[in-house]
């Protein structure tokens, strides 16, 4: 799946990934390849992305929104 993590200032991550772990309002949750569409609020914490080369990318966020649709994950982070 294609993952983009964007802040108002810059793009923090853009690439392919097999897993994204998100700090959600009701606890942490994961998005895998071909996940069902969703929109959710992100709280302060660490977004973990495991890319297609099995490398971890940990990104600290202060909150935001995630949208999953058509095997694309867009995270708009603060």
N, C-alpha and C. Protein backbone atom coordinates (compact mmCIF):
# COMPACT_ATOMS: atom_id res chain seq x y z
N UNK A 1 0.85 -1.17 0.00
CA UNK A 1 0.00 0.00 0.00
C UNK A 1 0.90 1.24 0.00
N UNK A 2 0.36 2.32 -0.49
CA UNK A 2 1.09 3.59 -0.54
C UNK A 2 0.77 4.38 0.72
N UNK A 3 1.80 4.89 1.38
CA UNK A 3 1.62 5.62 2.64
C UNK A 3 2.26 7.00 2.50
N UNK A 4 1.51 8.03 2.89
CA UNK A 4 2.02 9.40 2.94
C UNK A 4 1.73 9.96 4.33
N UNK A 5 2.78 10.49 4.97
CA UNK A 5 2.63 11.18 6.25
C UNK A 5 3.02 12.63 6.00
N UNK A 6 2.03 13.52 6.16
CA UNK A 6 2.21 14.91 5.78
C UNK A 6 1.90 15.82 6.96
N UNK A 7 2.74 16.84 7.15
CA UNK A 7 2.48 17.90 8.12
C UNK A 7 2.22 19.18 7.34
N UNK A 8 1.80 20.25 8.00
CA UNK A 8 1.63 21.51 7.27
C UNK A 8 2.92 22.03 6.64
N UNK A 9 4.07 21.61 7.18
CA UNK A 9 5.36 22.11 6.70
C UNK A 9 6.04 21.23 5.66
N UNK A 10 5.88 19.89 5.80
CA UNK A 10 6.64 19.00 4.91
C UNK A 10 6.05 17.59 4.91
N UNK A 11 6.57 16.78 4.02
CA UNK A 11 6.23 15.35 3.97
C UNK A 11 7.24 14.59 4.80
N UNK A 12 6.77 13.82 5.79
CA UNK A 12 7.66 13.06 6.67
C UNK A 12 7.96 11.67 6.14
N UNK A 13 7.02 11.09 5.39
CA UNK A 13 7.22 9.77 4.79
C UNK A 13 6.33 9.66 3.57
N UNK A 14 6.89 9.08 2.52
CA UNK A 14 6.12 8.79 1.32
C UNK A 14 6.73 7.55 0.69
N UNK A 15 5.94 6.48 0.60
CA UNK A 15 6.46 5.25 0.03
C UNK A 15 5.51 4.09 0.23
N UNK A 16 5.99 2.91 -0.11
CA UNK A 16 5.20 1.69 0.03
C UNK A 16 5.46 1.06 1.39
N UNK A 17 4.41 0.46 1.95
CA UNK A 17 4.54 -0.18 3.25
C UNK A 17 3.60 -1.37 3.33
N UNK A 18 3.90 -2.27 4.26
CA UNK A 18 3.07 -3.43 4.50
C UNK A 18 2.24 -3.30 5.75
N UNK A 19 2.66 -2.36 6.66
CA UNK A 19 1.95 -2.18 7.93
C UNK A 19 2.15 -0.76 8.42
N UNK A 20 1.08 -0.20 8.97
CA UNK A 20 1.15 1.10 9.63
C UNK A 20 0.45 0.95 10.98
N UNK A 21 1.14 1.33 12.05
CA UNK A 21 0.57 1.28 13.41
C UNK A 21 0.33 2.72 13.85
N UNK A 22 -0.91 2.99 14.29
CA UNK A 22 -1.35 4.35 14.57
C UNK A 22 -1.86 4.48 16.00
N UNK A 23 -1.49 5.58 16.70
CA UNK A 23 -2.07 5.82 18.02
C UNK A 23 -3.46 6.45 17.87
N UNK A 24 -4.48 5.64 17.99
CA UNK A 24 -5.86 6.11 17.82
C UNK A 24 -6.47 6.60 19.11
N UNK A 25 -7.61 7.24 18.98
CA UNK A 25 -8.29 7.82 20.12
C UNK A 25 -8.73 6.75 21.14
N UNK A 26 -9.02 5.53 20.67
CA UNK A 26 -9.42 4.43 21.56
C UNK A 26 -8.31 3.40 21.75
N UNK A 27 -7.08 3.76 21.38
CA UNK A 27 -5.94 2.86 21.49
C UNK A 27 -5.27 2.68 20.15
N UNK A 28 -4.14 2.03 20.19
CA UNK A 28 -3.36 1.81 18.98
C UNK A 28 -4.06 0.81 18.05
N UNK A 29 -3.95 1.05 16.73
CA UNK A 29 -4.50 0.10 15.77
C UNK A 29 -3.57 0.02 14.56
N UNK A 30 -3.74 -1.02 13.77
CA UNK A 30 -2.87 -1.26 12.62
C UNK A 30 -3.66 -1.29 11.33
N UNK A 31 -3.01 -0.84 10.28
CA UNK A 31 -3.57 -0.90 8.93
C UNK A 31 -2.64 -1.78 8.12
N UNK A 32 -3.22 -2.80 7.48
CA UNK A 32 -2.46 -3.71 6.64
C UNK A 32 -2.85 -3.51 5.18
N UNK A 33 -2.12 -4.16 4.29
CA UNK A 33 -2.39 -4.09 2.86
C UNK A 33 -3.85 -4.43 2.57
N UNK A 34 -4.50 -3.67 1.72
CA UNK A 34 -5.90 -3.86 1.30
C UNK A 34 -6.90 -3.72 2.45
N UNK A 35 -6.60 -2.84 3.40
CA UNK A 35 -7.49 -2.57 4.53
C UNK A 35 -8.77 -1.92 4.04
N UNK A 36 -9.85 -2.15 4.76
CA UNK A 36 -11.13 -1.51 4.44
C UNK A 36 -11.00 0.01 4.61
N UNK A 37 -11.79 0.78 3.85
CA UNK A 37 -11.74 2.24 3.98
C UNK A 37 -12.08 2.69 5.40
N UNK A 38 -11.39 3.74 5.85
CA UNK A 38 -11.70 4.31 7.16
C UNK A 38 -11.14 5.71 7.26
N UNK A 39 -11.71 6.48 8.16
CA UNK A 39 -11.21 7.79 8.56
C UNK A 39 -11.22 7.80 10.07
N UNK A 40 -10.10 8.22 10.70
CA UNK A 40 -10.02 8.18 12.15
C UNK A 40 -9.14 9.32 12.66
N UNK A 41 -9.34 9.65 13.92
CA UNK A 41 -8.52 10.66 14.60
C UNK A 41 -7.28 10.00 15.17
N UNK A 42 -6.15 10.69 15.07
CA UNK A 42 -4.89 10.23 15.64
C UNK A 42 -4.60 11.10 16.85
N UNK A 43 -4.12 10.47 17.92
CA UNK A 43 -3.72 11.22 19.12
C UNK A 43 -2.20 11.30 19.18
N UNK A 44 -1.69 12.05 20.13
CA UNK A 44 -0.25 12.20 20.30
C UNK A 44 0.39 10.84 20.55
N UNK A 45 1.46 10.55 19.83
CA UNK A 45 2.15 9.28 19.98
C UNK A 45 3.06 9.00 18.80
N UNK A 46 3.36 7.73 18.60
CA UNK A 46 4.28 7.30 17.54
C UNK A 46 3.53 6.55 16.46
N UNK A 47 3.69 7.01 15.22
CA UNK A 47 3.21 6.27 14.06
C UNK A 47 4.36 5.40 13.60
N UNK A 48 4.15 4.09 13.53
CA UNK A 48 5.18 3.16 13.08
C UNK A 48 4.81 2.63 11.71
N UNK A 49 5.75 2.75 10.78
CA UNK A 49 5.55 2.26 9.42
C UNK A 49 6.60 1.21 9.15
N UNK A 50 6.17 0.03 8.71
CA UNK A 50 7.10 -1.00 8.27
C UNK A 50 7.02 -1.03 6.75
N UNK A 51 8.10 -0.56 6.12
CA UNK A 51 8.08 -0.42 4.66
C UNK A 51 8.24 -1.77 3.97
N UNK A 52 8.21 -1.73 2.64
CA UNK A 52 8.27 -2.96 1.86
C UNK A 52 9.63 -3.65 1.93
N UNK A 53 10.64 -2.99 2.54
CA UNK A 53 11.96 -3.61 2.76
C UNK A 53 12.12 -4.06 4.20
N UNK A 54 11.00 -4.09 4.95
CA UNK A 54 10.95 -4.53 6.36
C UNK A 54 11.71 -3.61 7.31
N UNK A 55 11.88 -2.34 6.93
CA UNK A 55 12.53 -1.36 7.80
C UNK A 55 11.47 -0.58 8.56
N UNK A 56 11.73 -0.32 9.85
CA UNK A 56 10.81 0.45 10.69
C UNK A 56 11.09 1.94 10.56
N UNK A 57 10.02 2.70 10.48
CA UNK A 57 10.10 4.16 10.49
C UNK A 57 9.16 4.63 11.59
N UNK A 58 9.72 5.21 12.65
CA UNK A 58 8.91 5.73 13.76
C UNK A 58 8.82 7.24 13.63
N UNK A 59 7.59 7.76 13.61
CA UNK A 59 7.36 9.18 13.44
C UNK A 59 6.50 9.66 14.60
N UNK A 60 7.02 10.63 15.36
CA UNK A 60 6.28 11.21 16.48
C UNK A 60 5.29 12.24 15.94
N UNK A 61 4.03 12.12 16.37
CA UNK A 61 3.00 13.08 15.96
C UNK A 61 2.30 13.63 17.20
N UNK A 62 1.75 14.82 17.05
CA UNK A 62 0.99 15.45 18.14
C UNK A 62 -0.51 15.34 17.93
N UNK A 63 -0.91 14.51 16.99
CA UNK A 63 -2.31 14.34 16.66
C UNK A 63 -2.50 14.46 15.16
N UNK A 64 -3.73 14.27 14.72
CA UNK A 64 -4.03 14.40 13.30
C UNK A 64 -5.17 13.51 12.87
N UNK A 65 -5.17 13.19 11.57
CA UNK A 65 -6.24 12.40 10.97
C UNK A 65 -5.61 11.40 10.01
N UNK A 66 -6.20 10.19 9.94
CA UNK A 66 -5.78 9.18 8.98
C UNK A 66 -6.96 8.85 8.08
N UNK A 67 -6.66 8.69 6.79
CA UNK A 67 -7.65 8.24 5.83
C UNK A 67 -7.07 7.04 5.08
N UNK A 68 -7.84 5.96 5.02
CA UNK A 68 -7.45 4.76 4.27
C UNK A 68 -8.50 4.54 3.19
N UNK A 69 -8.04 4.45 1.93
CA UNK A 69 -8.96 4.25 0.82
C UNK A 69 -8.18 3.75 -0.40
N UNK A 70 -8.70 2.74 -1.06
CA UNK A 70 -8.08 2.19 -2.28
C UNK A 70 -6.60 1.83 -2.10
N UNK A 71 -6.28 1.19 -0.99
CA UNK A 71 -4.93 0.73 -0.67
C UNK A 71 -3.94 1.90 -0.56
N UNK A 72 -4.46 3.07 -0.18
CA UNK A 72 -3.64 4.25 0.07
C UNK A 72 -3.93 4.77 1.47
N UNK A 73 -2.86 5.08 2.22
CA UNK A 73 -2.98 5.61 3.57
C UNK A 73 -2.44 7.03 3.57
N UNK A 74 -3.28 7.97 3.97
CA UNK A 74 -2.84 9.36 4.10
C UNK A 74 -2.99 9.77 5.54
N UNK A 75 -1.88 10.22 6.12
CA UNK A 75 -1.87 10.69 7.50
C UNK A 75 -1.55 12.17 7.47
N UNK A 76 -2.49 12.97 7.95
CA UNK A 76 -2.30 14.42 8.07
C UNK A 76 -1.99 14.68 9.54
N UNK A 77 -0.73 14.96 9.83
CA UNK A 77 -0.26 15.03 11.21
C UNK A 77 0.07 16.46 11.61
N UNK A 78 -0.02 16.69 12.92
CA UNK A 78 0.38 17.98 13.51
C UNK A 78 1.81 17.90 13.96
